[in-house]
């Protein structure tokens, strides 16, 4: 059985080889019958037919410079001595107390401490009298607040309760006409305009009006009364004259 199979395989291979040989011969005969082909001429290439490519200046990028190419100089911690950076104590500037001006409304405020209302007004009144702040014609409620460090409302309450009533202007005008009395006693030759200017009221009409409201008489009448009193001898003087 095996012999028969091998024989069939060999016969098939021989038949295939014979078929290939016949096919090869047939192809050769067909190729030999074709006319020979002439070679095609090759066209000449002109050197100007191909333009040179334009070179853009941006086609070649600039080489990137790495920031690490230049190393930073090393700083030695011993380059600066420790004594150069040690903080030196800065002495505080000495503040010398300046004397407050006579008529300056920007006086230092009252010391911050717990005071009764009466003590608050007494401190304000004492400062106004000692520094004669009322002699400044422009001194008013704003200046009084700045001198005392109190609010406008608090100043008004203290003056109404302890300053004889009225507002701040009335309180200051009473002090001004009281000072005017001293001026008329010490300087009897002063005119009323000079007295009004000197005491801080300035306007003679206002001075006459305020003076009469406080003392019940005009400044001229008060001066006449004082002159008469000085010219009228007292009983002690009359007895002294009689004895002589």
C-alpha atoms as a PDB file:
ATOM      1  CA  UNK A   1       0.000   0.000   0.000  1.00  0.00           C
ATOM      2  CA  UNK A   2       2.792   2.413   0.927  1.00  0.00           C
ATOM      3  CA  UNK A   3       4.588   1.662  -2.313  1.00  0.00           C
ATOM      4  CA  UNK A   4       1.534   2.538  -4.340  1.00  0.00           C
ATOM      5  CA  UNK A   5       1.181   5.914  -2.574  1.00  0.00           C
ATOM      6  CA  UNK A   6       4.806   6.781  -3.172  1.00  0.00           C
ATOM      7  CA  UNK A   7       4.495   5.861  -6.794  1.00  0.00           C
ATOM      8  CA  UNK A   8       1.523   8.191  -7.214  1.00  0.00           C
ATOM      9  CA  UNK A   9       3.409  11.057  -5.566  1.00  0.00           C
ATOM     10  CA  UNK A  10       6.410  10.621  -7.820  1.00  0.00           C
ATOM     11  CA  UNK A  11       4.184  10.527 -10.909  1.00  0.00           C
ATOM     12  CA  UNK A  12       2.476  13.758  -9.823  1.00  0.00           C
ATOM     13  CA  UNK A  13       5.820  15.498  -9.293  1.00  0.00           C
ATOM     14  CA  UNK A  14       7.096  14.453 -12.683  1.00  0.00           C
ATOM     15  CA  UNK A  15       3.922  15.723 -14.320  1.00  0.00           C
ATOM     16  CA  UNK A  16       4.320  19.080 -12.575  1.00  0.00           C
ATOM     17  CA  UNK A  17       7.928  19.415 -13.667  1.00  0.00           C
ATOM     18  CA  UNK A  18       6.985  18.616 -17.249  1.00  0.00           C
ATOM     19  CA  UNK A  19       4.260  21.273 -17.126  1.00  0.00           C
ATOM     20  CA  UNK A  20       6.711  23.885 -15.879  1.00  0.00           C
ATOM     21  CA  UNK A  21       9.208  23.050 -18.606  1.00  0.00           C
ATOM     22  CA  UNK A  22       6.591  23.406 -21.331  1.00  0.00           C
ATOM     23  CA  UNK A  23       5.386  26.723 -19.887  1.00  0.00           C
ATOM     24  CA  UNK A  24       8.937  28.090 -19.785  1.00  0.00           C
ATOM     25  CA  UNK A  25       9.532  27.182 -23.418  1.00  0.00           C
ATOM     26  CA  UNK A  26       6.284  28.838 -24.498  1.00  0.00           C
ATOM     27  CA  UNK A  27       7.255  32.115 -22.731  1.00  0.00           C
ATOM     28  CA  UNK A  28      10.647  32.164 -24.400  1.00  0.00           C
ATOM     29  CA  UNK A  29       9.098  31.742 -27.815  1.00  0.00           C
ATOM     30  CA  UNK A  30       6.699  34.683 -27.204  1.00  0.00           C
ATOM     31  CA  UNK A  31       9.474  36.925 -26.007  1.00  0.00           C
ATOM     32  CA  UNK A  32      11.570  36.114 -29.026  1.00  0.00           C
ATOM     33  CA  UNK A  33       8.711  37.130 -31.347  1.00  0.00           C
ATOM     34  CA  UNK A  34       8.357  40.690 -29.779  1.00  0.00           C
ATOM     35  CA  UNK A  35      10.120  43.573 -31.697  1.00  0.00           C
ATOM     36  CA  UNK A  36      13.133  45.091 -29.976  1.00  0.00           C
ATOM     37  CA  UNK A  37      12.374  48.351 -28.050  1.00  0.00           C
ATOM     38  CA  UNK A  38      14.441  51.526 -28.814  1.00  0.00           C
ATOM     39  CA  UNK A  39      15.838  53.447 -25.814  1.00  0.00           C
ATOM     40  CA  UNK A  40      14.112  56.775 -24.966  1.00  0.00           C
ATOM     41  CA  UNK A  41      16.349  59.868 -24.921  1.00  0.00           C
ATOM     42  CA  UNK A  42      16.941  61.416 -21.516  1.00  0.00           C
ATOM     43  CA  UNK A  43      16.097  65.181 -21.472  1.00  0.00           C
ATOM     44  CA  UNK A  44      18.897  67.481 -20.472  1.00  0.00           C
ATOM     45  CA  UNK A  45      18.431  69.211 -17.143  1.00  0.00           C
ATOM     46  CA  UNK A  46      19.143  72.954 -17.176  1.00  0.00           C
ATOM     47  CA  UNK A  47      20.812  74.259 -14.022  1.00  0.00           C
ATOM     48  CA  UNK A  48      18.309  77.185 -13.913  1.00  0.00           C
ATOM     49  CA  UNK A  49      15.183  75.034 -13.929  1.00  0.00           C
ATOM     50  CA  UNK A  50      15.620  74.225 -10.244  1.00  0.00           C
ATOM     51  CA  UNK A  51      15.674  77.453  -8.203  1.00  0.00           C
ATOM     52  CA  UNK A  52      17.832  77.541  -5.138  1.00  0.00           C
ATOM     53  CA  UNK A  53      15.748  77.397  -1.963  1.00  0.00           C
ATOM     54  CA  UNK A  54      15.529  80.714  -0.090  1.00  0.00           C
ATOM     55  CA  UNK A  55      17.231  80.563   3.206  1.00  0.00           C
ATOM     56  CA  UNK A  56      15.228  82.347   5.907  1.00  0.00           C
ATOM     57  CA  UNK A  57      17.278  83.902   8.758  1.00  0.00           C
ATOM     58  CA  UNK A  58      14.868  82.292  11.194  1.00  0.00           C
ATOM     59  CA  UNK A  59      15.449  78.755   9.903  1.00  0.00           C
ATOM     60  CA  UNK A  60      18.547  78.457  12.063  1.00  0.00           C
ATOM     61  CA  UNK A  61      17.519  79.031  15.709  1.00  0.00           C
ATOM     62  CA  UNK A  62      19.986  80.657  18.020  1.00  0.00           C
ATOM     63  CA  UNK A  63      21.496  78.282  20.477  1.00  0.00           C
ATOM     64  CA  UNK A  64      19.711  78.422  23.798  1.00  0.00           C
ATOM     65  CA  UNK A  65      21.856  79.630  26.622  1.00  0.00           C
ATOM     66  CA  UNK A  66      21.302  77.646  29.737  1.00  0.00           C
ATOM     67  CA  UNK A  67      21.179  79.780  32.923  1.00  0.00           C
ATOM     68  CA  UNK A  68      23.331  77.161  34.592  1.00  0.00           C
ATOM     69  CA  UNK A  69      26.294  77.793  32.299  1.00  0.00           C
ATOM     70  CA  UNK A  70      27.477  80.671  34.549  1.00  0.00           C
ATOM     71  CA  UNK A  71      27.554  79.498  38.151  1.00  0.00           C
ATOM     72  CA  UNK A  72      26.676  82.050  40.818  1.00  0.00           C
ATOM     73  CA  UNK A  73      29.588  83.010  43.045  1.00  0.00           C
ATOM     74  CA  UNK A  74      29.490  81.232  46.311  1.00  0.00           C
ATOM     75  CA  UNK A  75      29.134  83.541  49.283  1.00  0.00           C
ATOM     76  CA  UNK A  76      31.121  82.461  52.233  1.00  0.00           C
ATOM     77  CA  UNK A  77      29.301  82.919  55.551  1.00  0.00           C
ATOM     78  CA  UNK A  78      32.590  84.155  57.008  1.00  0.00           C
ATOM     79  CA  UNK A  79      32.809  87.101  54.569  1.00  0.00           C
ATOM     80  CA  UNK A  80      30.785  89.358  56.897  1.00  0.00           C
ATOM     81  CA  UNK A  81      31.791  89.269  60.563  1.00  0.00           C
ATOM     82  CA  UNK A  82      29.096  88.718  63.108  1.00  0.00           C
ATOM     83  CA  UNK A  83      29.866  92.038  64.802  1.00  0.00           C
ATOM     84  CA  UNK A  84      28.878  93.965  61.660  1.00  0.00           C
ATOM     85  CA  UNK A  85      25.320  92.722  61.731  1.00  0.00           C
ATOM     86  CA  UNK A  86      24.660  92.811  65.448  1.00  0.00           C
ATOM     87  CA  UNK A  87      21.887  95.310  66.199  1.00  0.00           C
ATOM     88  CA  UNK A  88      23.091  98.382  68.022  1.00  0.00           C
ATOM     89  CA  UNK A  89      20.751 100.005  70.550  1.00  0.00           C
ATOM     90  CA  UNK A  90      19.343 103.288  69.264  1.00  0.00           C
ATOM     91  CA  UNK A  91      18.930 105.790  72.078  1.00  0.00           C
ATOM     92  CA  UNK A  92      15.540 107.446  72.258  1.00  0.00           C
ATOM     93  CA  UNK A  93      15.666 111.179  71.578  1.00  0.00           C
ATOM     94  CA  UNK A  94      15.342 113.296  74.658  1.00  0.00           C
ATOM     95  CA  UNK A  95      12.159 115.324  74.625  1.00  0.00           C
ATOM     96  CA  UNK A  96      12.414 118.573  76.485  1.00  0.00           C
ATOM     97  CA  UNK A  97       9.105 119.973  77.704  1.00  0.00           C
ATOM     98  CA  UNK A  98       8.159 123.149  75.872  1.00  0.00           C
ATOM     99  CA  UNK A  99       6.371 125.921  77.667  1.00  0.00           C
ATOM    100  CA  UNK A 100       2.816 126.404  76.427  1.00  0.00           C
ATOM    101  CA  UNK A 101       2.180 129.761  74.717  1.00  0.00           C
ATOM    102  CA  UNK A 102      -0.032 132.256  76.457  1.00  0.00           C
ATOM    103  CA  UNK A 103      -2.916 132.234  73.992  1.00  0.00           C
ATOM    104  CA  UNK A 104      -2.311 128.959  72.139  1.00  0.00           C
ATOM    105  CA  UNK A 105      -5.479 126.822  71.874  1.00  0.00           C
ATOM    106  CA  UNK A 106      -3.341 123.756  71.124  1.00  0.00           C
ATOM    107  CA  UNK A 107      -2.379 123.233  74.762  1.00  0.00           C
ATOM    108  CA  UNK A 108      -1.578 119.775  76.055  1.00  0.00           C
ATOM    109  CA  UNK A 109      -4.734 117.866  77.041  1.00  0.00           C
ATOM    110  CA  UNK A 110      -5.546 117.260  80.665  1.00  0.00           C
ATOM    111  CA  UNK A 111      -3.969 114.148  82.216  1.00  0.00           C
ATOM    112  CA  UNK A 112      -6.147 111.104  81.795  1.00  0.00           C
ATOM    113  CA  UNK A 113      -7.419 110.194  85.248  1.00  0.00           C
ATOM    114  CA  UNK A 114     -10.734 109.585  86.908  1.00  0.00           C
ATOM    115  CA  UNK A 115     -12.185 112.950  87.993  1.00  0.00           C
ATOM    116  CA  UNK A 116     -15.541 114.040  89.239  1.00  0.00           C
ATOM    117  CA  UNK A 117     -17.481 116.524  87.042  1.00  0.00           C
ATOM    118  CA  UNK A 118     -16.635 119.348  89.465  1.00  0.00           C
ATOM    119  CA  UNK A 119     -12.939 118.434  89.324  1.00  0.00           C
ATOM    120  CA  UNK A 120     -13.054 118.300  85.533  1.00  0.00           C
ATOM    121  CA  UNK A 121     -14.484 121.824  85.337  1.00  0.00           C
ATOM    122  CA  UNK A 122     -12.042 123.107  87.972  1.00  0.00           C
ATOM    123  CA  UNK A 123      -9.111 121.763  85.965  1.00  0.00           C
ATOM    124  CA  UNK A 124     -10.404 123.389  82.761  1.00  0.00           C
ATOM    125  CA  UNK A 125     -11.157 126.691  84.491  1.00  0.00           C
ATOM    126  CA  UNK A 126      -7.733 126.746  86.138  1.00  0.00           C
ATOM    127  CA  UNK A 127      -5.985 126.176  82.830  1.00  0.00           C
ATOM    128  CA  UNK A 128      -7.966 128.903  81.093  1.00  0.00           C
ATOM    129  CA  UNK A 129      -7.088 131.379  83.871  1.00  0.00           C
ATOM    130  CA  UNK A 130      -3.424 130.411  84.282  1.00  0.00           C
ATOM    131  CA  UNK A 131      -2.669 130.512  80.563  1.00  0.00           C
ATOM    132  CA  UNK A 132      -5.134 133.362  79.903  1.00  0.00           C
ATOM    133  CA  UNK A 133      -6.536 131.547  76.908  1.00  0.00           C
ATOM    134  CA  UNK A 134      -9.588 133.818  76.907  1.00  0.00           C
ATOM    135  CA  UNK A 135      -7.455 136.811  75.819  1.00  0.00           C
ATOM    136  CA  UNK A 136      -7.305 135.332  72.320  1.00  0.00           C
ATOM    137  CA  UNK A 137     -10.353 136.630  70.431  1.00  0.00           C
ATOM    138  CA  UNK A 138     -10.366 133.511  68.221  1.00  0.00           C
ATOM    139  CA  UNK A 139     -10.370 131.153  71.197  1.00  0.00           C
ATOM    140  CA  UNK A 140     -13.733 129.399  71.514  1.00  0.00           C
ATOM    141  CA  UNK A 141     -15.315 125.999  71.879  1.00  0.00           C
ATOM    142  CA  UNK A 142     -12.879 124.294  69.485  1.00  0.00           C
ATOM    143  CA  UNK A 143      -9.880 125.663  71.352  1.00  0.00           C
ATOM    144  CA  UNK A 144     -11.359 124.726  74.698  1.00  0.00           C
ATOM    145  CA  UNK A 145     -11.883 121.140  73.523  1.00  0.00           C
ATOM    146  CA  UNK A 146      -8.308 120.985  72.260  1.00  0.00           C
ATOM    147  CA  UNK A 147      -6.943 122.388  75.518  1.00  0.00           C
ATOM    148  CA  UNK A 148      -8.919 120.006  77.720  1.00  0.00           C
ATOM    149  CA  UNK A 149      -9.096 116.902  75.537  1.00  0.00           C
ATOM    150  CA  UNK A 150     -12.868 116.670  76.102  1.00  0.00           C
ATOM    151  CA  UNK A 151     -15.682 116.553  73.573  1.00  0.00           C
ATOM    152  CA  UNK A 152     -17.883 119.523  72.709  1.00  0.00           C
ATOM    153  CA  UNK A 153     -20.870 117.947  74.417  1.00  0.00           C
ATOM    154  CA  UNK A 154     -18.930 117.313  77.634  1.00  0.00           C
ATOM    155  CA  UNK A 155     -17.542 120.860  77.683  1.00  0.00           C
ATOM    156  CA  UNK A 156     -21.047 122.287  77.268  1.00  0.00           C
ATOM    157  CA  UNK A 157     -22.438 120.138  80.102  1.00  0.00           C
ATOM    158  CA  UNK A 158     -19.678 121.179  82.526  1.00  0.00           C
ATOM    159  CA  UNK A 159     -20.022 124.909  81.750  1.00  0.00           C
ATOM    160  CA  UNK A 160     -23.806 124.872  82.088  1.00  0.00           C
ATOM    161  CA  UNK A 161     -23.554 123.091  85.428  1.00  0.00           C
ATOM    162  CA  UNK A 162     -20.495 124.693  87.044  1.00  0.00           C
ATOM    163  CA  UNK A 163     -19.608 127.726  84.922  1.00  0.00           C
ATOM    164  CA  UNK A 164     -22.541 129.962  85.750  1.00  0.00           C
ATOM    165  CA  UNK A 165     -24.809 128.725  82.960  1.00  0.00           C
ATOM    166  CA  UNK A 166     -24.893 129.700  79.340  1.00  0.00           C
ATOM    167  CA  UNK A 167     -22.697 128.440  76.535  1.00  0.00           C
ATOM    168  CA  UNK A 168     -18.934 128.461  76.011  1.00  0.00           C
ATOM    169  CA  UNK A 169     -18.912 131.968  74.542  1.00  0.00           C
ATOM    170  CA  UNK A 170     -20.782 133.388  77.544  1.00  0.00           C
ATOM    171  CA  UNK A 171     -18.349 131.646  79.894  1.00  0.00           C
ATOM    172  CA  UNK A 172     -15.321 133.135  78.080  1.00  0.00           C
ATOM    173  CA  UNK A 173     -16.862 136.616  77.817  1.00  0.00           C
ATOM    174  CA  UNK A 174     -17.408 136.737  81.576  1.00  0.00           C
ATOM    175  CA  UNK A 175     -13.718 136.103  82.071  1.00  0.00           C
ATOM    176  CA  UNK A 176     -12.873 138.773  79.493  1.00  0.00           C
ATOM    177  CA  UNK A 177     -14.912 141.534  81.105  1.00  0.00           C
ATOM    178  CA  UNK A 178     -13.498 140.557  84.510  1.00  0.00           C
ATOM    179  CA  UNK A 179     -10.051 141.089  83.049  1.00  0.00           C
ATOM    180  CA  UNK A 180     -11.295 144.384  81.570  1.00  0.00           C
ATOM    181  CA  UNK A 181     -12.062 145.596  85.111  1.00  0.00           C
ATOM    182  CA  UNK A 182      -8.463 144.936  86.066  1.00  0.00           C
ATOM    183  CA  UNK A 183      -7.242 146.843  83.029  1.00  0.00           C
ATOM    184  CA  UNK A 184      -9.430 149.864  83.803  1.00  0.00           C
ATOM    185  CA  UNK A 185      -8.139 149.891  87.400  1.00  0.00           C
ATOM    186  CA  UNK A 186      -4.491 149.538  86.447  1.00  0.00           C
ATOM    187  CA  UNK A 187      -4.611 151.724  83.353  1.00  0.00           C
ATOM    188  CA  UNK A 188      -7.247 154.429  83.824  1.00  0.00           C
ATOM    189  CA  UNK A 189      -5.974 156.292  80.758  1.00  0.00           C
ATOM    190  CA  UNK A 190      -6.877 153.380  78.409  1.00  0.00           C
ATOM    191  CA  UNK A 191      -9.732 154.026  76.005  1.00  0.00           C
ATOM    192  CA  UNK A 192     -12.663 151.625  75.965  1.00  0.00           C
ATOM    193  CA  UNK A 193     -11.646 150.453  72.475  1.00  0.00           C
ATOM    194  CA  UNK A 194      -8.186 149.583  73.786  1.00  0.00           C
ATOM    195  CA  UNK A 195      -9.673 147.784  76.786  1.00  0.00           C
ATOM    196  CA  UNK A 196     -12.033 145.806  74.537  1.00  0.00           C
ATOM    197  CA  UNK A 197      -9.139 144.813  72.279  1.00  0.00           C
ATOM    198  CA  UNK A 198      -6.874 143.938  75.175  1.00  0.00           C
ATOM    199  CA  UNK A 199      -9.366 141.748  77.016  1.00  0.00           C
ATOM    200  CA  UNK A 200     -10.061 139.569  73.974  1.00  0.00           C
ATOM    201  CA  UNK A 201     -13.507 140.741  72.862  1.00  0.00           C
ATOM    202  CA  UNK A 202     -12.269 143.104  70.169  1.00  0.00           C
ATOM    203  CA  UNK A 203     -15.564 144.604  69.042  1.00  0.00           C
ATOM    204  CA  UNK A 204     -16.416 147.657  71.230  1.00  0.00           C
ATOM    205  CA  UNK A 205     -20.182 147.177  70.774  1.00  0.00           C
ATOM    206  CA  UNK A 206     -19.955 143.581  71.945  1.00  0.00           C
ATOM    207  CA  UNK A 207     -17.740 144.669  74.828  1.00  0.00           C
ATOM    208  CA  UNK A 208     -20.289 147.280  76.013  1.00  0.00           C
ATOM    209  CA  UNK A 209     -23.147 144.790  75.742  1.00  0.00           C
ATOM    210  CA  UNK A 210     -21.373 141.961  77.583  1.00  0.00           C
ATOM    211  CA  UNK A 211     -20.036 144.312  80.277  1.00  0.00           C
ATOM    212  CA  UNK A 212     -23.499 145.622  81.040  1.00  0.00           C
ATOM    213  CA  UNK A 213     -25.003 142.112  81.083  1.00  0.00           C
ATOM    214  CA  UNK A 214     -22.455 140.976  83.667  1.00  0.00           C
ATOM    215  CA  UNK A 215     -22.139 144.093  85.893  1.00  0.00           C
ATOM    216  CA  UNK A 216     -25.416 145.898  85.246  1.00  0.00           C
ATOM    217  CA  UNK A 217     -23.717 149.116  84.120  1.00  0.00           C
ATOM    218  CA  UNK A 218     -21.726 150.342  81.132  1.00  0.00           C
ATOM    219  CA  UNK A 219     -17.922 150.537  81.207  1.00  0.00           C
ATOM    220  CA  UNK A 220     -17.985 154.360  81.109  1.00  0.00           C
ATOM    221  CA  UNK A 221     -20.363 154.555  84.080  1.00  0.00           C
ATOM    222  CA  UNK A 222     -18.214 152.119  86.011  1.00  0.00           C
ATOM    223  CA  UNK A 223     -15.140 154.269  85.352  1.00  0.00           C
ATOM    224  CA  UNK A 224     -16.939 157.437  86.542  1.00  0.00           C
ATOM    225  CA  UNK A 225     -18.079 155.730  89.714  1.00  0.00           C
ATOM    226  CA  UNK A 226     -14.570 154.529  90.427  1.00  0.00           C
ATOM    227  CA  UNK A 227     -13.099 157.999  89.869  1.00  0.00           C
ATOM    228  CA  UNK A 228     -15.650 159.556  92.223  1.00  0.00           C
ATOM    229  CA  UNK A 229     -14.870 156.953  94.844  1.00  0.00           C
ATOM    230  CA  UNK A 230     -11.182 157.737  94.588  1.00  0.00           C
ATOM    231  CA  UNK A 231     -11.787 161.497  94.876  1.00  0.00           C
ATOM    232  CA  UNK A 232     -14.239 161.252  97.840  1.00  0.00           C
ATOM    233  CA  UNK A 233     -12.245 161.151 101.149  1.00  0.00           C
ATOM    234  CA  UNK A 234     -13.085 158.481 103.622  1.00  0.00           C
ATOM    235  CA  UNK A 235     -13.847 159.066 107.317  1.00  0.00           C
ATOM    236  CA  UNK A 236     -10.350 158.019 108.344  1.00  0.00           C
ATOM    237  CA  UNK A 237      -8.860 160.549 105.965  1.00  0.00           C
ATOM    238  CA  UNK A 238     -11.167 163.311 107.301  1.00  0.00           C
ATOM    239  CA  UNK A 239     -10.181 162.541 110.910  1.00  0.00           C
ATOM    240  CA  UNK A 240      -6.514 162.596 109.916  1.00  0.00           C
ATOM    241  CA  UNK A 241      -6.915 165.977 108.258  1.00  0.00           C
ATOM    242  CA  UNK A 242      -8.712 167.447 111.279  1.00  0.00           C
ATOM    243  CA  UNK A 243      -6.080 166.226 113.677  1.00  0.00           C
ATOM    244  CA  UNK A 244      -3.356 167.849 111.608  1.00  0.00           C
END
